[in-house]
Amino acid sequence: MTISESFLRQARRVIIAVIGFTVLLVGVALLVLPGPAFLVIPAGLAILAIEFAWARRWLQRIKNLAEEKGGSWFRRTPKNRSQENSD
């Protein structure tokens, strides 16, 4: 690997980190401000997960938690929901 390849790799890592942490911090701020924090925080983690293993683990935990808490609701079709309500 040449010096320029190494520099480009490090520069890419820094740029991804800056963008990812910025989006993540905006998401955290949106927890107390009006806005879609629960969409922005995973987006920031997804950006960070491009380069960082710890972000991939956190993103996977969030995905598992979302599936556990709301997965059954998202898997149901509108037809199934209307049948449940008529019972």
Protein backbone atom coordinates (compact mmCIF):
# COMPACT_ATOMS: atom_id res chain seq x y z
CA MET A 1 0.00 0.00 0.00
CA THR A 2 1.41 3.36 -0.96
CA ILE A 3 1.35 6.48 1.14
CA SER A 4 -1.40 8.03 -0.96
CA GLU A 5 -3.63 4.93 -0.59
CA SER A 6 -3.09 4.98 3.15
CA PHE A 7 -3.88 8.70 3.28
CA LEU A 8 -7.05 8.24 1.23
CA ARG A 9 -8.20 5.38 3.46
CA GLN A 10 -7.65 7.47 6.60
CA ALA A 11 -9.31 10.51 5.02
CA ARG A 12 -12.34 8.42 4.08
CA ARG A 13 -12.54 7.07 7.62
CA VAL A 14 -12.38 10.57 9.10
CA ILE A 15 -15.03 11.92 6.72
CA ILE A 16 -17.38 9.03 7.50
CA ALA A 17 -16.79 9.55 11.22
CA VAL A 18 -17.53 13.27 11.05
CA ILE A 19 -20.70 12.82 9.00
CA GLY A 20 -21.88 9.86 11.07
CA PHE A 21 -21.29 11.52 14.43
CA THR A 22 -22.97 14.71 13.19
CA VAL A 23 -26.09 12.82 12.14
CA LEU A 24 -26.03 10.83 15.38
CA LEU A 25 -25.74 14.00 17.50
CA VAL A 26 -28.60 15.63 15.59
CA GLY A 27 -30.66 12.52 16.33
CA VAL A 28 -29.83 12.72 20.03
CA ALA A 29 -30.80 16.41 20.02
CA LEU A 30 -34.09 15.48 18.40
CA LEU A 31 -34.93 13.38 21.45
CA VAL A 32 -35.79 16.63 23.23
CA LEU A 33 -36.54 18.77 20.17
CA PRO A 34 -39.44 18.13 17.81
CA GLY A 35 -38.34 15.78 15.08
CA PRO A 36 -37.90 12.15 14.02
CA ALA A 37 -35.12 11.13 16.43
CA PHE A 38 -35.94 7.43 16.10
CA LEU A 39 -35.18 7.64 12.39
CA VAL A 40 -32.14 9.90 12.54
CA ILE A 41 -30.24 8.00 15.25
CA PRO A 42 -30.23 4.69 13.31
CA ALA A 43 -29.26 6.61 10.17
CA GLY A 44 -26.22 8.02 11.98
CA LEU A 45 -25.30 4.57 13.24
CA ALA A 46 -25.70 3.15 9.73
CA ILE A 47 -23.26 5.74 8.40
CA LEU A 48 -20.79 4.96 11.18
CA ALA A 49 -21.25 1.21 10.62
CA ILE A 50 -19.58 1.60 7.23
CA GLU A 51 -16.23 1.90 9.04
CA PHE A 52 -16.70 0.96 12.70
CA ALA A 53 -17.55 -2.46 14.14
CA TRP A 54 -18.98 -1.00 17.37
CA ALA A 55 -21.54 0.95 15.32
CA ARG A 56 -22.51 -2.23 13.45
CA ARG A 57 -23.12 -3.97 16.81
CA TRP A 58 -25.24 -1.08 18.13
CA LEU A 59 -27.21 -0.90 14.89
CA GLN A 60 -27.88 -4.65 15.06
CA ARG A 61 -29.07 -4.29 18.67
CA ILE A 62 -31.45 -1.50 17.61
CA LYS A 63 -32.75 -3.62 14.72
CA ASN A 64 -33.33 -6.59 17.02
CA LEU A 65 -35.07 -4.41 19.60
CA ALA A 66 -37.30 -2.81 16.96
CA GLU A 67 -38.21 -6.21 15.54
CA GLU A 68 -38.92 -7.58 19.00
CA LYS A 69 -41.09 -4.63 20.04
CA GLY A 70 -42.79 -3.77 16.78
CA GLY A 71 -42.01 -6.55 14.35
CA SER A 72 -45.30 -8.34 14.69
CA TRP A 73 -47.18 -5.13 14.01
CA PHE A 74 -45.15 -4.41 10.86
CA ARG A 75 -45.52 -7.97 9.55
CA ARG A 76 -49.29 -7.87 9.68
CA THR A 77 -51.01 -6.75 6.52
CA PRO A 78 -53.90 -4.26 6.63
CA LYS A 79 -56.20 -7.16 5.73
CA ASN A 80 -55.01 -9.11 8.78
CA ARG A 81 -55.47 -6.08 11.03
CA SER A 82 -59.03 -5.56 9.85
CA GLN A 83 -59.83 -9.21 10.50
CA GLU A 84 -58.44 -8.93 14.04
CA ASN A 85 -60.61 -5.91 14.73
CA SER A 86 -63.76 -7.66 13.52
CA ASP A 87 -63.25 -10.62 15.89
